[in-house]
Amino acid sequence: MNLWLRLLRVVLASFFRPRLGYLGESVLEFRVMPHDLDINLHMNNARYLALMDLGRTDMVLRTPLWRLVARQHLQPVIASANVRFRRPLKPFQPFRLRSRLLAWDERWLYIQHLIEADGVVACQAVVRGALLRRGGVVPPAQLAEAVGYGGPAPPLPPWVGLLRDLDSGLDRQPQHDETRKE
């Protein structure tokens, strides 16, 4: 239930917070609550990803994308996530979630999330996602044009290119390795 309340808070606050440019950064503040904890009494790793959903929601609502998503009934999807947990978050510890559109290629948007506590990065992630319509994936260049972004696509950082290549390799991997003997 707490994520629903947090989602409601993010949605309502988006009406009163400053608008973001297409490449603007969303910054949300949270506190680790008891229902966020795992058996080790620090924030559960799945909770980080759920909170990142809220960061992307805030980004869409505060950028020109929300009109396009609403008008064309676009559906945001995540294809992959690369997450690095650096420091644990303890009960009731305040933290900040920073989310921004990092870059895009012909098919995918790459969104960076940083979770910071006490001035230190506790978790960082890059998700590869897209917006879908009935005919399939909406090309990111088409999204940028539709929302009035006139600049060039930000260059894909080399390390994100490595993640993209890894994902592509995994896509070509057979579902079951028939050469492996049990």
C-alpha atoms as a PDB file:
ATOM      1  CA  MET A   1       0.000   0.000   0.000  1.00  0.00           C
ATOM      2  CA  ASN A   2       2.814   2.417   0.728  1.00  0.00           C
ATOM      3  CA  LEU A   3       3.824   2.601  -2.938  1.00  0.00           C
ATOM      4  CA  TRP A   4       0.288   3.645  -3.841  1.00  0.00           C
ATOM      5  CA  LEU A   5       0.506   6.464  -1.309  1.00  0.00           C
ATOM      6  CA  ARG A   6       3.925   7.467  -2.601  1.00  0.00           C
ATOM      7  CA  LEU A   7       2.588   7.359  -6.170  1.00  0.00           C
ATOM      8  CA  LEU A   8      -0.342   9.560  -5.190  1.00  0.00           C
ATOM      9  CA  ARG A   9       2.079  12.000  -3.554  1.00  0.00           C
ATOM     10  CA  VAL A  10       4.289  12.105  -6.681  1.00  0.00           C
ATOM     11  CA  VAL A  11       1.318  12.619  -9.012  1.00  0.00           C
ATOM     12  CA  LEU A  12      -0.276  15.367  -6.900  1.00  0.00           C
ATOM     13  CA  ALA A  13       3.056  17.131  -6.315  1.00  0.00           C
ATOM     14  CA  SER A  14       3.766  17.111 -10.078  1.00  0.00           C
ATOM     15  CA  PHE A  15       1.007  19.708 -10.562  1.00  0.00           C
ATOM     16  CA  PHE A  16       2.806  22.159  -8.264  1.00  0.00           C
ATOM     17  CA  ARG A  17       6.451  21.479  -9.019  1.00  0.00           C
ATOM     18  CA  PRO A  18       8.350  23.271 -11.799  1.00  0.00           C
ATOM     19  CA  ARG A  19       8.104  21.815 -15.298  1.00  0.00           C
ATOM     20  CA  LEU A  20      11.139  19.969 -16.600  1.00  0.00           C
ATOM     21  CA  GLY A  21      12.708  20.143 -20.028  1.00  0.00           C
ATOM     22  CA  TYR A  22      12.896  16.927 -22.020  1.00  0.00           C
ATOM     23  CA  LEU A  23      16.360  16.263 -20.595  1.00  0.00           C
ATOM     24  CA  GLY A  24      15.560  17.701 -17.165  1.00  0.00           C
ATOM     25  CA  GLU A  25      16.306  15.905 -13.923  1.00  0.00           C
ATOM     26  CA  SER A  26      13.581  14.756 -11.548  1.00  0.00           C
ATOM     27  CA  VAL A  27      14.543  14.888  -7.872  1.00  0.00           C
ATOM     28  CA  LEU A  28      12.319  13.184  -5.306  1.00  0.00           C
ATOM     29  CA  GLU A  29      12.877  12.883  -1.572  1.00  0.00           C
ATOM     30  CA  PHE A  30      11.836   9.846   0.455  1.00  0.00           C
ATOM     31  CA  ARG A  31      12.540   8.169   3.758  1.00  0.00           C
ATOM     32  CA  VAL A  32      13.126   4.448   4.314  1.00  0.00           C
ATOM     33  CA  MET A  33      10.013   3.150   6.039  1.00  0.00           C
ATOM     34  CA  PRO A  34       9.659  -0.120   7.978  1.00  0.00           C
ATOM     35  CA  HIS A  35       7.732  -1.757   5.112  1.00  0.00           C
ATOM     36  CA  ASP A  36      10.709  -1.023   2.789  1.00  0.00           C
ATOM     37  CA  LEU A  37      13.029  -3.250   4.817  1.00  0.00           C
ATOM     38  CA  ASP A  38      14.248  -6.778   4.223  1.00  0.00           C
ATOM     39  CA  ILE A  39      15.342  -9.316   6.821  1.00  0.00           C
ATOM     40  CA  ASN A  40      18.720  -7.563   7.131  1.00  0.00           C
ATOM     41  CA  LEU A  41      16.933  -4.378   8.224  1.00  0.00           C
ATOM     42  CA  HIS A  42      17.987  -2.310   5.248  1.00  0.00           C
ATOM     43  CA  MET A  43      16.017  -1.310   2.180  1.00  0.00           C
ATOM     44  CA  ASN A  44      14.996  -4.299   0.101  1.00  0.00           C
ATOM     45  CA  ASN A  45      16.637  -4.421  -3.332  1.00  0.00           C
ATOM     46  CA  ALA A  46      13.255  -4.715  -5.082  1.00  0.00           C
ATOM     47  CA  ARG A  47      12.090  -1.513  -3.383  1.00  0.00           C
ATOM     48  CA  TYR A  48      14.849   0.461  -5.116  1.00  0.00           C
ATOM     49  CA  LEU A  49      13.433  -0.553  -8.503  1.00  0.00           C
ATOM     50  CA  ALA A  50       9.871   0.237  -7.438  1.00  0.00           C
ATOM     51  CA  LEU A  51      10.927   3.708  -6.317  1.00  0.00           C
ATOM     52  CA  MET A  52      12.705   4.232  -9.624  1.00  0.00           C
ATOM     53  CA  ASP A  53       9.292   3.688 -11.258  1.00  0.00           C
ATOM     54  CA  LEU A  54       8.132   6.731  -9.301  1.00  0.00           C
ATOM     55  CA  GLY A  55      11.111   8.722 -10.565  1.00  0.00           C
ATOM     56  CA  ARG A  56      10.203   7.906 -14.160  1.00  0.00           C
ATOM     57  CA  THR A  57       6.557   8.765 -13.463  1.00  0.00           C
ATOM     58  CA  ASP A  58       7.605  12.160 -12.124  1.00  0.00           C
ATOM     59  CA  MET A  59       9.801  12.711 -15.187  1.00  0.00           C
ATOM     60  CA  VAL A  60       6.948  11.965 -17.588  1.00  0.00           C
ATOM     61  CA  LEU A  61       4.427  14.084 -15.679  1.00  0.00           C
ATOM     62  CA  ARG A  62       6.727  17.113 -15.450  1.00  0.00           C
ATOM     63  CA  THR A  63       8.081  17.024 -19.015  1.00  0.00           C
ATOM     64  CA  PRO A  64       6.181  17.567 -22.260  1.00  0.00           C
ATOM     65  CA  LEU A  65       5.954  13.775 -22.598  1.00  0.00           C
ATOM     66  CA  TRP A  66       2.812  13.524 -20.464  1.00  0.00           C
ATOM     67  CA  ARG A  67       0.633  15.133 -23.154  1.00  0.00           C
ATOM     68  CA  LEU A  68       1.934  12.751 -25.800  1.00  0.00           C
ATOM     69  CA  VAL A  69       1.510   9.711 -23.540  1.00  0.00           C
ATOM     70  CA  ALA A  70      -2.061  10.735 -22.682  1.00  0.00           C
ATOM     71  CA  ARG A  71      -3.129  11.686 -26.232  1.00  0.00           C
ATOM     72  CA  GLN A  72      -1.675   8.653 -27.961  1.00  0.00           C
ATOM     73  CA  HIS A  73      -2.314   6.169 -25.114  1.00  0.00           C
ATOM     74  CA  LEU A  74       1.352   5.255 -25.016  1.00  0.00           C
ATOM     75  CA  GLN A  75       2.500   2.599 -22.594  1.00  0.00           C
ATOM     76  CA  PRO A  76       5.909   2.918 -20.916  1.00  0.00           C
ATOM     77  CA  VAL A  77       7.841  -0.352 -20.626  1.00  0.00           C
ATOM     78  CA  ILE A  78      11.232  -1.321 -19.241  1.00  0.00           C
ATOM     79  CA  ALA A  79      13.268  -3.883 -21.167  1.00  0.00           C
ATOM     80  CA  SER A  80      16.255  -4.142 -18.852  1.00  0.00           C
ATOM     81  CA  ALA A  81      17.869  -2.610 -15.813  1.00  0.00           C
ATOM     82  CA  ASN A  82      21.464  -2.548 -14.670  1.00  0.00           C
ATOM     83  CA  VAL A  83      21.612  -1.783 -10.962  1.00  0.00           C
ATOM     84  CA  ARG A  84      24.571  -1.297  -8.687  1.00  0.00           C
ATOM     85  CA  PHE A  85      23.969  -1.287  -4.954  1.00  0.00           C
ATOM     86  CA  ARG A  86      26.762   0.641  -3.263  1.00  0.00           C
ATOM     87  CA  ARG A  87      25.611   1.356   0.314  1.00  0.00           C
ATOM     88  CA  PRO A  88      22.673   0.114   2.396  1.00  0.00           C
ATOM     89  CA  LEU A  89      19.845   2.419   3.416  1.00  0.00           C
ATOM     90  CA  LYS A  90      18.813   2.010   7.047  1.00  0.00           C
ATOM     91  CA  PRO A  91      15.375   2.406   8.678  1.00  0.00           C
ATOM     92  CA  PHE A  92      13.992   5.961   8.583  1.00  0.00           C
ATOM     93  CA  GLN A  93      17.033   7.234   6.677  1.00  0.00           C
ATOM     94  CA  PRO A  94      16.140  10.061   4.285  1.00  0.00           C
ATOM     95  CA  PHE A  95      17.312   9.719   0.694  1.00  0.00           C
ATOM     96  CA  ARG A  96      17.047  11.484  -2.637  1.00  0.00           C
ATOM     97  CA  LEU A  97      16.162   9.858  -5.973  1.00  0.00           C
ATOM     98  CA  ARG A  98      17.545  11.591  -9.080  1.00  0.00           C
ATOM     99  CA  SER A  99      16.162  10.454 -12.449  1.00  0.00           C
ATOM    100  CA  ARG A 100      16.983  11.736 -15.914  1.00  0.00           C
ATOM    101  CA  LEU A 101      16.876  10.750 -19.540  1.00  0.00           C
ATOM    102  CA  LEU A 102      20.507   9.990 -20.247  1.00  0.00           C
ATOM    103  CA  ALA A 103      20.460   9.201 -23.977  1.00  0.00           C
ATOM    104  CA  TRP A 104      18.648   7.268 -26.672  1.00  0.00           C
ATOM    105  CA  ASP A 105      19.385   5.199 -29.730  1.00  0.00           C
ATOM    106  CA  GLU A 106      17.203   4.120 -32.658  1.00  0.00           C
ATOM    107  CA  ARG A 107      14.891   2.056 -30.440  1.00  0.00           C
ATOM    108  CA  TRP A 108      15.535   2.603 -26.725  1.00  0.00           C
ATOM    109  CA  LEU A 109      15.555   5.332 -24.115  1.00  0.00           C
ATOM    110  CA  TYR A 110      18.264   5.077 -21.436  1.00  0.00           C
ATOM    111  CA  ILE A 111      17.276   6.532 -18.073  1.00  0.00           C
ATOM    112  CA  GLN A 112      19.694   7.020 -15.209  1.00  0.00           C
ATOM    113  CA  HIS A 113      18.636   6.787 -11.568  1.00  0.00           C
ATOM    114  CA  LEU A 114      20.809   7.760  -8.610  1.00  0.00           C
ATOM    115  CA  ILE A 115      19.745   7.191  -5.031  1.00  0.00           C
ATOM    116  CA  GLU A 116      21.747   9.334  -2.627  1.00  0.00           C
ATOM    117  CA  ALA A 117      21.832   9.465   1.141  1.00  0.00           C
ATOM    118  CA  ASP A 118      24.026  11.731   3.256  1.00  0.00           C
ATOM    119  CA  GLY A 119      25.658  13.088   0.100  1.00  0.00           C
ATOM    120  CA  VAL A 120      26.792   9.626  -1.066  1.00  0.00           C
ATOM    121  CA  VAL A 121      25.430   7.452  -3.877  1.00  0.00           C
ATOM    122  CA  ALA A 122      23.759   4.413  -2.319  1.00  0.00           C
ATOM    123  CA  CYS A 123      22.442   2.930  -5.564  1.00  0.00           C
ATOM    124  CA  GLN A 124      22.780   3.703  -9.236  1.00  0.00           C
ATOM    125  CA  ALA A 125      20.899   2.240 -12.163  1.00  0.00           C
ATOM    126  CA  VAL A 126      20.375   2.602 -15.874  1.00  0.00           C
ATOM    127  CA  VAL A 127      17.168   1.274 -17.340  1.00  0.00           C
ATOM    128  CA  ARG A 128      16.504   0.647 -21.009  1.00  0.00           C
ATOM    129  CA  GLY A 129      12.924   1.403 -21.859  1.00  0.00           C
ATOM    130  CA  ALA A 130      10.522   2.522 -24.526  1.00  0.00           C
ATOM    131  CA  LEU A 131       7.067   3.872 -25.101  1.00  0.00           C
ATOM    132  CA  LEU A 132       4.724   1.502 -26.930  1.00  0.00           C
ATOM    133  CA  ARG A 133       1.676   2.062 -29.074  1.00  0.00           C
ATOM    134  CA  ARG A 134      -0.425  -0.468 -30.939  1.00  0.00           C
ATOM    135  CA  GLY A 135       2.062  -0.651 -33.811  1.00  0.00           C
ATOM    136  CA  GLY A 136       5.055  -1.266 -31.549  1.00  0.00           C
ATOM    137  CA  VAL A 137       7.844   0.864 -30.128  1.00  0.00           C
ATOM    138  CA  VAL A 138       7.726   4.607 -30.769  1.00  0.00           C
ATOM    139  CA  PRO A 139      11.201   5.578 -32.041  1.00  0.00           C
ATOM    140  CA  PRO A 140      12.912   7.870 -29.510  1.00  0.00           C
ATOM    141  CA  ALA A 141      13.781  10.428 -32.227  1.00  0.00           C
ATOM    142  CA  GLN A 142      10.059  10.645 -33.027  1.00  0.00           C
ATOM    143  CA  LEU A 143       9.283  11.197 -29.325  1.00  0.00           C
ATOM    144  CA  ALA A 144      11.851  13.995 -29.111  1.00  0.00           C
ATOM    145  CA  GLU A 145      10.403  15.692 -32.178  1.00  0.00           C
ATOM    146  CA  ALA A 146       6.810  15.297 -30.942  1.00  0.00           C
ATOM    147  CA  VAL A 147       7.580  17.053 -27.644  1.00  0.00           C
ATOM    148  CA  GLY A 148       9.446  19.888 -29.358  1.00  0.00           C
ATOM    149  CA  TYR A 149      12.980  18.902 -28.408  1.00  0.00           C
ATOM    150  CA  GLY A 150      15.127  20.555 -31.050  1.00  0.00           C
ATOM    151  CA  GLY A 151      18.587  19.518 -29.944  1.00  0.00           C
ATOM    152  CA  PRO A 152      20.615  16.527 -30.987  1.00  0.00           C
ATOM    153  CA  ALA A 153      20.301  13.209 -29.235  1.00  0.00           C
ATOM    154  CA  PRO A 154      22.709  13.138 -26.297  1.00  0.00           C
ATOM    155  CA  PRO A 155      25.621  10.851 -27.090  1.00  0.00           C
ATOM    156  CA  LEU A 156      25.373   7.401 -25.614  1.00  0.00           C
ATOM    157  CA  PRO A 157      28.087   7.213 -22.938  1.00  0.00           C
ATOM    158  CA  PRO A 158      30.549   4.394 -23.703  1.00  0.00           C
ATOM    159  CA  TRP A 159      29.579   2.473 -20.562  1.00  0.00           C
ATOM    160  CA  VAL A 160      25.905   2.574 -21.582  1.00  0.00           C
ATOM    161  CA  GLY A 161      26.948   1.284 -25.000  1.00  0.00           C
ATOM    162  CA  LEU A 162      28.556  -1.683 -23.246  1.00  0.00           C
ATOM    163  CA  LEU A 163      25.296  -2.367 -21.376  1.00  0.00           C
ATOM    164  CA  ARG A 164      23.382  -2.152 -24.666  1.00  0.00           C
ATOM    165  CA  ASP A 165      25.780  -4.628 -26.271  1.00  0.00           C
ATOM    166  CA  LEU A 166      25.413  -6.974 -23.298  1.00  0.00           C
ATOM    167  CA  ASP A 167      21.623  -6.808 -23.576  1.00  0.00           C
ATOM    168  CA  SER A 168      21.839  -7.527 -27.309  1.00  0.00           C
ATOM    169  CA  GLY A 169      24.019 -10.564 -26.609  1.00  0.00           C
ATOM    170  CA  LEU A 170      21.538 -11.843 -24.050  1.00  0.00           C
ATOM    171  CA  ASP A 171      18.712 -11.383 -26.573  1.00  0.00           C
ATOM    172  CA  ARG A 172      20.490 -13.812 -28.918  1.00  0.00           C
ATOM    173  CA  GLN A 173      21.150 -16.369 -26.171  1.00  0.00           C
ATOM    174  CA  PRO A 174      19.058 -19.560 -26.464  1.00  0.00           C
ATOM    175  CA  GLN A 175      16.476 -19.952 -23.734  1.00  0.00           C
ATOM    176  CA  HIS A 176      17.857 -23.343 -22.746  1.00  0.00           C
ATOM    177  CA  ASP A 177      21.429 -24.440 -23.268  1.00  0.00           C
ATOM    178  CA  GLU A 178      21.073 -27.866 -24.902  1.00  0.00           C
ATOM    179  CA  THR A 179      24.825 -28.525 -24.767  1.00  0.00           C
ATOM    180  CA  ARG A 180      24.834 -28.553 -20.975  1.00  0.00           C
ATOM    181  CA  LYS A 181      24.617 -32.020 -19.438  1.00  0.00           C
ATOM    182  CA  GLU A 182      22.900 -32.335 -16.081  1.00  0.00           C
END
